[in-house]
Amino acid sequence: MFKLFKNDNNWSENLIKDAELLRLHRLLKEQIKENFSGHLRFYILDSGSCNGCELELQALFNPLYDVASLGIEVVYDSTNTDILLITGLMTENMYNEVKLTYEKLKEPKRVISIGDCPLMKAPFTNTFALKSQGINIFPVSQYIGGCPPEPKLLLRSLLKYLKNL
């Protein structure tokens, strides 16, 4: 993914996008333009995660993956979002917040579950702090598994979801 080269006796990193990433960018941009008039807004809600999935989601906005150039942005008001992304196990402390956030979503309500935790496949599922599986609270449109899912898997899964809208 990274190519190192020597230039004037200093090592530097040159980001090289591979063919799959370039293809994903092109197809995602087309789908976002078609389905969302060129701007796709995410609201990310951590319902009790280890933050591994959040780090992978943040990586999507670095210069290599650069999803901002595709029209993807993170919003901080759930009423202005196109898709709610949920990470983590459903803890007792976050249950009401997740439920309220879901209720505030505009129609159609689109929810994507990120990582293995919402599917209760995490290594720390047997604890008193959990409320229930997130899928028991509201309908989830798409699941993206992995612990945590790497950025290309997130992009592939998002593309698959957008194609099915």
Protein backbone atom coordinates (compact mmCIF):
# COMPACT_ATOMS: atom_id res chain seq x y z
CA MET A 1 0.00 0.00 0.00
CA PHE A 2 2.90 2.35 0.73
CA LYS A 3 5.90 2.77 -1.53
CA LEU A 4 9.13 3.95 0.05
CA PHE A 5 11.70 5.71 -2.09
CA LYS A 6 14.97 7.48 -1.41
CA ASN A 7 15.13 11.12 -2.40
CA ASP A 8 18.07 13.40 -1.53
CA ASN A 9 19.25 10.99 1.20
CA ASN A 10 15.91 11.31 3.03
CA TRP A 11 13.35 8.53 3.21
CA SER A 12 9.80 9.64 2.56
CA GLU A 13 6.50 7.91 2.04
CA ASN A 14 4.58 8.27 -1.17
CA LEU A 15 0.95 7.16 -0.97
CA ILE A 16 0.02 5.01 -3.92
CA LYS A 17 -3.63 4.12 -4.48
CA ASP A 18 -4.06 0.62 -5.85
CA ALA A 19 -6.39 -0.34 -8.69
CA GLU A 20 -9.14 -1.67 -6.40
CA LEU A 21 -9.21 1.53 -4.37
CA LEU A 22 -9.39 3.66 -7.52
CA ARG A 23 -12.26 1.49 -8.80
CA LEU A 24 -14.09 1.75 -5.44
CA HIS A 25 -13.68 5.54 -5.49
CA ARG A 26 -15.12 5.83 -8.98
CA LEU A 27 -18.09 3.55 -8.29
CA LEU A 28 -18.85 5.10 -4.89
CA LYS A 29 -18.79 8.59 -6.33
CA GLU A 30 -21.28 7.52 -9.01
CA GLN A 31 -23.60 5.90 -6.46
CA ILE A 32 -23.43 8.88 -4.09
CA LYS A 33 -24.23 11.25 -6.94
CA GLU A 34 -27.13 9.07 -8.08
CA ASN A 35 -28.67 8.32 -4.66
CA PHE A 36 -27.79 11.39 -2.58
CA SER A 37 -27.21 14.25 -5.05
CA GLY A 38 -23.47 14.08 -4.51
CA HIS A 39 -23.32 14.35 -0.69
CA LEU A 40 -23.60 11.41 1.70
CA ARG A 41 -23.79 12.28 5.40
CA PHE A 42 -22.93 9.78 8.16
CA TYR A 43 -23.75 10.05 11.83
CA ILE A 44 -21.47 7.70 13.79
CA LEU A 45 -22.75 6.40 17.13
CA ASP A 46 -20.61 4.34 19.47
CA SER A 47 -22.96 2.21 21.57
CA GLY A 48 -20.15 0.74 23.67
CA SER A 49 -17.12 -0.22 21.58
CA CYS A 50 -13.38 -0.57 22.11
CA ASN A 51 -12.90 2.20 19.46
CA GLY A 52 -11.24 -0.11 16.94
CA CYS A 53 -14.06 0.41 14.43
CA GLU A 54 -13.99 4.16 14.97
CA LEU A 55 -10.27 4.22 14.13
CA GLU A 56 -10.94 2.37 10.87
CA LEU A 57 -13.79 4.78 10.06
CA GLN A 58 -11.44 7.72 10.72
CA ALA A 59 -8.89 6.16 8.36
CA LEU A 60 -11.40 6.57 5.54
CA PHE A 61 -10.79 10.32 5.74
CA ASN A 62 -6.98 10.16 5.54
CA PRO A 63 -5.17 11.05 2.28
CA LEU A 64 -5.02 7.43 1.11
CA TYR A 65 -8.75 6.64 1.27
CA ASP A 66 -9.90 10.29 1.00
CA VAL A 67 -13.65 9.65 1.09
CA ALA A 68 -14.29 13.37 1.62
CA SER A 69 -13.45 13.84 -2.06
CA LEU A 70 -16.33 11.47 -2.87
CA GLY A 71 -18.82 13.67 -1.06
CA ILE A 72 -18.88 11.68 2.19
CA GLU A 73 -18.95 13.64 5.42
CA VAL A 74 -19.61 13.04 9.11
CA VAL A 75 -22.36 15.13 10.69
CA TYR A 76 -23.00 15.70 14.37
CA ASP A 77 -26.77 16.04 14.28
CA SER A 78 -28.71 12.84 13.67
CA THR A 79 -31.58 14.75 12.06
CA ASN A 80 -29.23 15.79 9.21
CA THR A 81 -27.87 12.36 8.42
CA ASP A 82 -28.45 10.02 5.50
CA ILE A 83 -27.06 6.90 7.21
CA LEU A 84 -26.55 6.08 10.89
CA LEU A 85 -23.42 4.02 11.53
CA ILE A 86 -23.45 2.10 14.83
CA THR A 87 -20.40 0.51 16.40
CA GLY A 88 -20.02 -1.44 19.61
CA LEU A 89 -22.05 -3.59 21.93
CA MET A 90 -25.33 -2.16 23.20
CA THR A 91 -24.52 -1.14 26.76
CA GLU A 92 -27.10 -0.23 29.40
CA ASN A 93 -25.72 3.32 29.49
CA MET A 94 -26.08 3.87 25.73
CA TYR A 95 -29.43 2.12 25.17
CA ASN A 96 -31.62 5.22 25.60
CA GLU A 97 -29.27 7.40 23.54
CA VAL A 98 -29.27 4.93 20.65
CA LYS A 99 -33.05 4.62 20.78
CA LEU A 100 -33.52 8.42 20.80
CA THR A 101 -31.03 8.87 17.96
CA TYR A 102 -32.83 6.26 15.87
CA GLU A 103 -36.19 7.94 16.48
CA LYS A 104 -34.77 11.31 15.29
CA LEU A 105 -33.61 9.89 11.94
CA LYS A 106 -35.46 11.16 8.91
CA GLU A 107 -37.26 8.72 6.65
CA PRO A 108 -36.11 6.45 5.18
CA LYS A 109 -34.20 5.35 8.28
CA ARG A 110 -30.94 3.77 7.16
CA VAL A 111 -28.73 2.03 9.72
CA ILE A 112 -25.44 0.25 9.11
CA SER A 113 -23.92 -1.84 11.87
CA ILE A 114 -20.11 -1.78 11.90
CA GLY A 115 -17.92 -4.53 13.36
CA ASP A 116 -18.54 -7.81 15.15
CA CYS A 117 -19.77 -6.26 18.40
CA PRO A 118 -23.32 -5.39 17.29
CA LEU A 119 -23.65 -9.01 16.11
CA MET A 120 -22.54 -10.17 19.60
CA LYS A 121 -19.43 -11.85 18.18
CA ALA A 122 -17.03 -9.81 20.32
CA PRO A 123 -14.80 -11.48 22.91
CA PHE A 124 -16.40 -9.47 25.75
CA THR A 125 -20.08 -10.21 25.29
CA ASN A 126 -20.71 -11.88 28.65
CA THR A 127 -20.98 -8.88 30.93
CA PHE A 128 -23.62 -7.28 33.12
CA ALA A 129 -23.20 -3.95 31.30
CA LEU A 130 -24.92 -5.10 28.11
CA LYS A 131 -28.53 -4.32 27.32
CA SER A 132 -29.09 -6.54 24.30
CA GLN A 133 -28.10 -6.95 20.68
CA GLY A 134 -28.49 -3.72 18.73
CA ILE A 135 -30.48 -5.58 16.10
CA ASN A 136 -33.21 -6.24 18.66
CA ILE A 137 -33.84 -2.51 19.17
CA PHE A 138 -34.37 -1.34 15.58
CA PRO A 139 -33.99 -2.67 12.05
CA VAL A 140 -30.48 -2.62 10.62
CA SER A 141 -30.12 -2.18 6.86
CA GLN A 142 -26.59 -3.57 6.49
CA TYR A 143 -24.02 -5.40 8.62
CA ILE A 144 -20.31 -4.95 8.07
CA GLY A 145 -18.46 -7.57 10.08
CA GLY A 146 -14.86 -7.65 11.21
CA CYS A 147 -12.95 -6.88 14.35
CA PRO A 148 -12.41 -4.19 13.24
CA PRO A 149 -13.31 -4.12 9.54
CA GLU A 150 -10.47 -2.65 7.48
CA PRO A 151 -11.17 0.47 5.37
CA LYS A 152 -11.39 -1.32 2.02
CA LEU A 153 -13.98 -3.71 3.44
CA LEU A 154 -15.95 -0.71 4.70
CA LEU A 155 -15.83 0.84 1.21
CA ARG A 156 -16.77 -2.42 -0.53
CA SER A 157 -19.70 -2.95 1.83
CA LEU A 158 -20.87 0.66 1.49
CA LEU A 159 -20.80 0.32 -2.30
CA LYS A 160 -22.82 -2.90 -2.13
CA TYR A 161 -25.36 -1.21 0.13
CA LEU A 162 -25.69 1.89 -2.07
CA LYS A 163 -26.18 -0.24 -5.19
CA ASN A 164 -29.15 -1.94 -3.51
CA LEU A 165 -30.98 1.28 -2.57
